[in-house]
Amino acid sequence: MPPVTTAAETTEIALTFVKKHRLFARPVSAKQGEGYWLVEVDVGLFDVKVGWVKIETSSGVIQEYSLPP
């Protein structure tokens, strides 16, 4: 994959991934760190349940993620 340069690109990658595991996913924030993007995603249908996806900037590959039960 090409480098990820914008929050919009990163959010789309994160949402595509999360929607494979959850019925509901709404982006909360996308923050850039040194060499990665961290996208917070609300996966709670009735309550707010925030998880996160860490995406490598240079390749757009998901490095880590954490989704609440």
PDB file of N, CA and C in Angstrom:
ATOM      1  N   MET A   1       0.838  -1.192   0.000  1.00  0.00           N
ATOM      2  CA  MET A   1       0.000   0.000   0.000  1.00  0.00           C
ATOM      3  C   MET A   1       0.878   1.248   0.000  1.00  0.00           C
ATOM      4  N   PRO A   2       0.383   2.330  -0.566  1.00  0.00           N
ATOM      5  CA  PRO A   2       1.122   3.595  -0.544  1.00  0.00           C
ATOM      6  C   PRO A   2       1.064   4.237   0.839  1.00  0.00           C
ATOM      7  N   PRO A   3       1.931   5.206   1.071  1.00  0.00           N
ATOM      8  CA  PRO A   3       1.908   5.916   2.353  1.00  0.00           C
ATOM      9  C   PRO A   3       0.561   6.582   2.615  1.00  0.00           C
ATOM     10  N   VAL A   4       0.208   6.666   3.879  1.00  0.00           N
ATOM     11  CA  VAL A   4      -1.035   7.315   4.294  1.00  0.00           C
ATOM     12  C   VAL A   4      -0.666   8.717   4.761  1.00  0.00           C
ATOM     13  N   THR A   5      -1.262   9.723   4.108  1.00  0.00           N
ATOM     14  CA  THR A   5      -0.861  11.096   4.413  1.00  0.00           C
ATOM     15  C   THR A   5      -1.954  11.941   5.046  1.00  0.00           C
ATOM     16  N   THR A   6      -3.214  11.481   4.987  1.00  0.00           N
ATOM     17  CA  THR A   6      -4.297  12.315   5.536  1.00  0.00           C
ATOM     18  C   THR A   6      -5.118  11.538   6.561  1.00  0.00           C
ATOM     19  N   ALA A   7      -5.780  12.286   7.408  1.00  0.00           N
ATOM     20  CA  ALA A   7      -6.663  11.681   8.405  1.00  0.00           C
ATOM     21  C   ALA A   7      -7.832  10.965   7.729  1.00  0.00           C
ATOM     22  N   ALA A   8      -8.303  11.493   6.611  1.00  0.00           N
ATOM     23  CA  ALA A   8      -9.424  10.876   5.899  1.00  0.00           C
ATOM     24  C   ALA A   8      -9.047   9.487   5.373  1.00  0.00           C
ATOM     25  N   GLU A   9      -7.864   9.372   4.790  1.00  0.00           N
ATOM     26  CA  GLU A   9      -7.398   8.065   4.292  1.00  0.00           C
ATOM     27  C   GLU A   9      -7.271   7.067   5.444  1.00  0.00           C
ATOM     28  N   THR A  10      -6.692   7.526   6.521  1.00  0.00           N
ATOM     29  CA  THR A  10      -6.479   6.666   7.679  1.00  0.00           C
ATOM     30  C   THR A  10      -7.803   6.223   8.281  1.00  0.00           C
ATOM     31  N   THR A  11      -8.734   7.132   8.388  1.00  0.00           N
ATOM     32  CA  THR A  11     -10.045   6.810   8.945  1.00  0.00           C
ATOM     33  C   THR A  11     -10.756   5.769   8.086  1.00  0.00           C
ATOM     34  N   GLU A  12     -10.654   5.894   6.786  1.00  0.00           N
ATOM     35  CA  GLU A  12     -11.288   4.930   5.879  1.00  0.00           C
ATOM     36  C   GLU A  12     -10.692   3.533   6.063  1.00  0.00           C
ATOM     37  N   ILE A  13      -9.383   3.438   6.203  1.00  0.00           N
ATOM     38  CA  ILE A  13      -8.726   2.145   6.444  1.00  0.00           C
ATOM     39  C   ILE A  13      -9.233   1.544   7.754  1.00  0.00           C
ATOM     40  N   ALA A  14      -9.280   2.365   8.803  1.00  0.00           N
ATOM     41  CA  ALA A  14      -9.721   1.888  10.114  1.00  0.00           C
ATOM     42  C   ALA A  14     -11.177   1.436  10.089  1.00  0.00           C
ATOM     43  N   LEU A  15     -12.052   2.219   9.464  1.00  0.00           N
ATOM     44  CA  LEU A  15     -13.472   1.860   9.417  1.00  0.00           C
ATOM     45  C   LEU A  15     -13.705   0.586   8.610  1.00  0.00           C
ATOM     46  N   THR A  16     -13.001   0.430   7.515  1.00  0.00           N
ATOM     47  CA  THR A  16     -13.126  -0.792   6.714  1.00  0.00           C
ATOM     48  C   THR A  16     -12.744  -2.009   7.551  1.00  0.00           C
ATOM     49  N   PHE A  17     -11.679  -1.888   8.318  1.00  0.00           N
ATOM     50  CA  PHE A  17     -11.240  -2.983   9.180  1.00  0.00           C
ATOM     51  C   PHE A  17     -12.241  -3.259  10.297  1.00  0.00           C
ATOM     52  N   VAL A  18     -12.656  -2.236  11.007  1.00  0.00           N
ATOM     53  CA  VAL A  18     -13.547  -2.411  12.156  1.00  0.00           C
ATOM     54  C   VAL A  18     -14.897  -2.970  11.728  1.00  0.00           C
ATOM     55  N   LYS A  19     -15.408  -2.552  10.572  1.00  0.00           N
ATOM     56  CA  LYS A  19     -16.715  -3.028  10.106  1.00  0.00           C
ATOM     57  C   LYS A  19     -16.703  -4.515   9.756  1.00  0.00           C
ATOM     58  N   LYS A  20     -15.534  -5.110   9.625  1.00  0.00           N
ATOM     59  CA  LYS A  20     -15.436  -6.562   9.438  1.00  0.00           C
ATOM     60  C   LYS A  20     -15.700  -7.296  10.747  1.00  0.00           C
ATOM     61  N   HIS A  21     -15.558  -6.589  11.874  1.00  0.00           N
ATOM     62  CA  HIS A  21     -15.686  -7.191  13.196  1.00  0.00           C
ATOM     63  C   HIS A  21     -16.890  -6.686  13.985  1.00  0.00           C
ATOM     64  N   ARG A  22     -17.452  -5.559  13.596  1.00  0.00           N
ATOM     65  CA  ARG A  22     -18.579  -4.966  14.318  1.00  0.00           C
ATOM     66  C   ARG A  22     -19.649  -4.490  13.332  1.00  0.00           C
ATOM     67  N   LEU A  23     -20.904  -4.489  13.787  1.00  0.00           N
ATOM     68  CA  LEU A  23     -21.997  -4.022  12.939  1.00  0.00           C
ATOM     69  C   LEU A  23     -22.010  -2.503  12.823  1.00  0.00           C
ATOM     70  N   PHE A  24     -21.579  -1.823  13.883  1.00  0.00           N
ATOM     71  CA  PHE A  24     -21.627  -0.371  13.941  1.00  0.00           C
ATOM     72  C   PHE A  24     -20.227   0.172  14.182  1.00  0.00           C
ATOM     73  N   ALA A  25     -19.850   1.182  13.431  1.00  0.00           N
ATOM     74  CA  ALA A  25     -18.562   1.843  13.640  1.00  0.00           C
ATOM     75  C   ALA A  25     -18.681   3.295  13.207  1.00  0.00           C
ATOM     76  N   ARG A  26     -18.292   4.187  14.115  1.00  0.00           N
ATOM     77  CA  ARG A  26     -18.334   5.627  13.836  1.00  0.00           C
ATOM     78  C   ARG A  26     -16.998   6.227  14.256  1.00  0.00           C
ATOM     79  N   PRO A  27     -16.320   6.948  13.368  1.00  0.00           N
ATOM     80  CA  PRO A  27     -15.023   7.534  13.737  1.00  0.00           C
ATOM     81  C   PRO A  27     -15.179   8.614  14.799  1.00  0.00           C
ATOM     82  N   VAL A  28     -14.242   8.633  15.728  1.00  0.00           N
ATOM     83  CA  VAL A  28     -14.235   9.640  16.786  1.00  0.00           C
ATOM     84  C   VAL A  28     -13.102  10.637  16.542  1.00  0.00           C
ATOM     85  N   SER A  29     -11.897  10.116  16.284  1.00  0.00           N
ATOM     86  CA  SER A  29     -10.759  10.998  16.037  1.00  0.00           C
ATOM     87  C   SER A  29      -9.655  10.252  15.300  1.00  0.00           C
ATOM     88  N   ALA A  30      -8.763  11.010  14.685  1.00  0.00           N
ATOM     89  CA  ALA A  30      -7.565  10.464  14.041  1.00  0.00           C
ATOM     90  C   ALA A  30      -6.409  11.387  14.405  1.00  0.00           C
ATOM     91  N   LYS A  31      -5.400  10.814  15.037  1.00  0.00           N
ATOM     92  CA  LYS A  31      -4.255  11.608  15.483  1.00  0.00           C
ATOM     93  C   LYS A  31      -2.978  11.001  14.911  1.00  0.00           C
ATOM     94  N   GLN A  32      -2.097  11.871  14.438  1.00  0.00           N
ATOM     95  CA  GLN A  32      -0.849  11.397  13.869  1.00  0.00           C
ATOM     96  C   GLN A  32       0.252  11.413  14.911  1.00  0.00           C
ATOM     97  N   GLY A  33       0.976  10.302  14.995  1.00  0.00           N
ATOM     98  CA  GLY A  33       2.127  10.204  15.872  1.00  0.00           C
ATOM     99  C   GLY A  33       3.375  10.076  15.017  1.00  0.00           C
ATOM    100  N   GLU A  34       4.471   9.695  15.615  1.00  0.00           N
ATOM    101  CA  GLU A  34       5.714   9.541  14.877  1.00  0.00           C
ATOM    102  C   GLU A  34       5.724   8.182  14.175  1.00  0.00           C
ATOM    103  N   GLY A  35       5.393   8.184  12.893  1.00  0.00           N
ATOM    104  CA  GLY A  35       5.383   6.961  12.101  1.00  0.00           C
ATOM    105  C   GLY A  35       4.073   6.195  12.108  1.00  0.00           C
ATOM    106  N   TYR A  36       3.049   6.760  12.721  1.00  0.00           N
ATOM    107  CA  TYR A  36       1.767   6.059  12.766  1.00  0.00           C
ATOM    108  C   TYR A  36       0.604   7.042  12.898  1.00  0.00           C
ATOM    109  N   TRP A  37      -0.600   6.538  12.616  1.00  0.00           N
ATOM    110  CA  TRP A  37      -1.857   7.231  12.889  1.00  0.00           C
ATOM    111  C   TRP A  37      -2.613   6.404  13.915  1.00  0.00           C
ATOM    112  N   LEU A  38      -3.290   7.052  14.826  1.00  0.00           N
ATOM    113  CA  LEU A  38      -4.128   6.385  15.810  1.00  0.00           C
ATOM    114  C   LEU A  38      -5.561   6.870  15.603  1.00  0.00           C
ATOM    115  N   VAL A  39      -6.428   5.940  15.210  1.00  0.00           N
ATOM    116  CA  VAL A  39      -7.823   6.284  14.930  1.00  0.00           C
ATOM    117  C   VAL A  39      -8.697   5.702  16.027  1.00  0.00           C
ATOM    118  N   GLU A  40      -9.481   6.557  16.683  1.00  0.00           N
ATOM    119  CA  GLU A  40     -10.438   6.094  17.684  1.00  0.00           C
ATOM    120  C   GLU A  40     -11.783   5.912  17.002  1.00  0.00           C
ATOM    121  N   VAL A  41     -12.442   4.777  17.319  1.00  0.00           N
ATOM    122  CA  VAL A  41     -13.699   4.423  16.680  1.00  0.00           C
ATOM    123  C   VAL A  41     -14.706   4.008  17.735  1.00  0.00           C
ATOM    124  N   ASP A  42     -15.903   4.596  17.683  1.00  0.00           N
ATOM    125  CA  ASP A  42     -17.002   4.203  18.573  1.00  0.00           C
ATOM    126  C   ASP A  42     -17.697   2.995  17.940  1.00  0.00           C
ATOM    127  N   VAL A  43     -17.756   1.878  18.668  1.00  0.00           N
ATOM    128  CA  VAL A  43     -18.383   0.658  18.156  1.00  0.00           C
ATOM    129  C   VAL A  43     -19.639   0.292  18.936  1.00  0.00           C
ATOM    130  N   GLY A  44     -20.077   1.163  19.838  1.00  0.00           N
ATOM    131  CA  GLY A  44     -21.268   0.893  20.639  1.00  0.00           C
ATOM    132  C   GLY A  44     -22.528   1.345  19.929  1.00  0.00           C
ATOM    133  N   LEU A  45     -23.456   0.441  19.767  1.00  0.00           N
ATOM    134  CA  LEU A  45     -24.700   0.784  19.082  1.00  0.00           C
ATOM    135  C   LEU A  45     -25.591   1.670  19.954  1.00  0.00           C
ATOM    136  N   PHE A  46     -25.714   1.340  21.233  1.00  0.00           N
ATOM    137  CA  PHE A  46     -26.557   2.113  22.151  1.00  0.00           C
ATOM    138  C   PHE A  46     -25.745   2.905  23.168  1.00  0.00           C
ATOM    139  N   ASP A  47     -24.586   2.398  23.556  1.00  0.00           N
ATOM    140  CA  ASP A  47     -23.686   3.074  24.478  1.00  0.00           C
ATOM    141  C   ASP A  47     -22.404   3.415  23.735  1.00  0.00           C
ATOM    142  N   VAL A  48     -21.683   4.396  24.229  1.00  0.00           N
ATOM    143  CA  VAL A  48     -20.393   4.741  23.636  1.00  0.00           C
ATOM    144  C   VAL A  48     -19.360   3.711  24.091  1.00  0.00           C
ATOM    145  N   LYS A  49     -18.767   3.029  23.134  1.00  0.00           N
ATOM    146  CA  LYS A  49     -17.694   2.060  23.390  1.00  0.00           C
ATOM    147  C   LYS A  49     -16.602   2.364  22.379  1.00  0.00           C
ATOM    148  N   VAL A  50     -15.518   2.941  22.863  1.00  0.00           N
ATOM    149  CA  VAL A  50     -14.469   3.413  21.967  1.00  0.00           C
ATOM    150  C   VAL A  50     -13.309   2.424  21.928  1.00  0.00           C
ATOM    151  N   GLY A  51     -12.934   2.061  20.723  1.00  0.00           N
ATOM    152  CA  GLY A  51     -11.744   1.251  20.478  1.00  0.00           C
ATOM    153  C   GLY A  51     -10.778   2.075  19.650  1.00  0.00           C
ATOM    154  N   TRP A  52      -9.654   1.477  19.294  1.00  0.00           N
ATOM    155  CA  TRP A  52      -8.681   2.214  18.496  1.00  0.00           C
ATOM    156  C   TRP A  52      -7.964   1.284  17.522  1.00  0.00           C
ATOM    157  N   VAL A  53      -7.459   1.903  16.462  1.00  0.00           N
ATOM    158  CA  VAL A  53      -6.692   1.195  15.437  1.00  0.00           C
ATOM    159  C   VAL A  53      -5.436   2.017  15.169  1.00  0.00           C
ATOM    160  N   LYS A  54      -4.280   1.358  15.237  1.00  0.00           N
ATOM    161  CA  LYS A  54      -3.000   2.020  14.980  1.00  0.00           C
ATOM    162  C   LYS A  54      -2.517   1.603  13.595  1.00  0.00           C
ATOM    163  N   ILE A  55      -2.287   2.592  12.727  1.00  0.00           N
ATOM    164  CA  ILE A  55      -1.939   2.345  11.331  1.00  0.00           C
ATOM    165  C   ILE A  55      -0.582   2.969  11.021  1.00  0.00           C
ATOM    166  N   GLU A  56       0.292   2.182  10.404  1.00  0.00           N
ATOM    167  CA  GLU A  56       1.624   2.644  10.029  1.00  0.00           C
ATOM    168  C   GLU A  56       1.527   3.674   8.906  1.00  0.00           C
ATOM    169  N   THR A  57       2.176   4.812   9.080  1.00  0.00           N
ATOM    170  CA  THR A  57       2.103   5.907   8.117  1.00  0.00           C
ATOM    171  C   THR A  57       2.721   5.538   6.771  1.00  0.00           C
ATOM    172  N   SER A  58       3.852   4.871   6.792  1.00  0.00           N
ATOM    173  CA  SER A  58       4.584   4.608   5.550  1.00  0.00           C
ATOM    174  C   SER A  58       3.915   3.586   4.643  1.00  0.00           C
ATOM    175  N   SER A  59       3.080   2.697   5.209  1.00  0.00           N
ATOM    176  CA  SER A  59       2.502   1.628   4.393  1.00  0.00           C
ATOM    177  C   SER A  59       0.977   1.518   4.466  1.00  0.00           C
ATOM    178  N   GLY A  60       0.348   2.118   5.460  1.00  0.00           N
ATOM    179  CA  GLY A  60      -1.090   1.990   5.627  1.00  0.00           C
ATOM    180  C   GLY A  60      -1.506   0.660   6.230  1.00  0.00           C
ATOM    181  N   VAL A  61      -0.550  -0.073   6.785  1.00  0.00           N
ATOM    182  CA  VAL A  61      -0.818  -1.380   7.393  1.00  0.00           C
ATOM    183  C   VAL A  61      -1.214  -1.204   8.851  1.00  0.00           C
ATOM    184  N   ILE A  62      -2.213  -1.963   9.279  1.00  0.00           N
ATOM    185  CA  ILE A  62      -2.649  -1.923  10.670  1.00  0.00           C
ATOM    186  C   ILE A  62      -1.612  -2.616  11.531  1.00  0.00           C
ATOM    187  N   GLN A  63      -1.073  -1.893  12.511  1.00  0.00           N
ATOM    188  CA  GLN A  63      -0.048  -2.434  13.406  1.00  0.00           C
ATOM    189  C   GLN A  63      -0.680  -3.089  14.628  1.00  0.00           C
ATOM    190  N   GLU A  64      -1.661  -2.404  15.216  1.00  0.00           N
ATOM    191  CA  GLU A  64      -2.322  -2.886  16.434  1.00  0.00           C
ATOM    192  C   GLU A  64      -3.753  -2.384  16.423  1.00  0.00           C
ATOM    193  N   TYR A  65      -4.582  -3.012  17.253  1.00  0.00           N
ATOM    194  CA  TYR A  65      -5.932  -2.507  17.451  1.00  0.00           C
ATOM    195  C   TYR A  65      -6.477  -3.046  18.759  1.00  0.00           C
ATOM    196  N   SER A  66      -7.488  -2.357  19.269  1.00  0.00           N
ATOM    197  CA  SER A  66      -8.154  -2.788  20.474  1.00  0.00           C
ATOM    198  C   SER A  66      -9.629  -2.394  20.334  1.00  0.00           C
ATOM    199  N   LEU A  67     -10.515  -3.400  20.415  1.00  0.00           N
ATOM    200  CA  LEU A  67     -11.940  -3.140  20.325  1.00  0.00           C
ATOM    201  C   LEU A  67     -12.612  -3.667  21.585  1.00  0.00           C
ATOM    202  N   PRO A  68     -13.491  -2.868  22.184  1.00  0.00           N
ATOM    203  CA  PRO A  68     -14.170  -3.329  23.406  1.00  0.00           C
ATOM    204  C   PRO A  68     -15.147  -4.460  23.088  1.00  0.00           C
ATOM    205  N   PRO A  69     -15.445  -5.287  24.094  1.00  0.00           N
ATOM    206  CA  PRO A  69     -16.376  -6.406  23.868  1.00  0.00           C
ATOM    207  C   PRO A  69     -17.787  -5.932  23.595  1.00  0.00           C
TER     208      PRO A  69
END
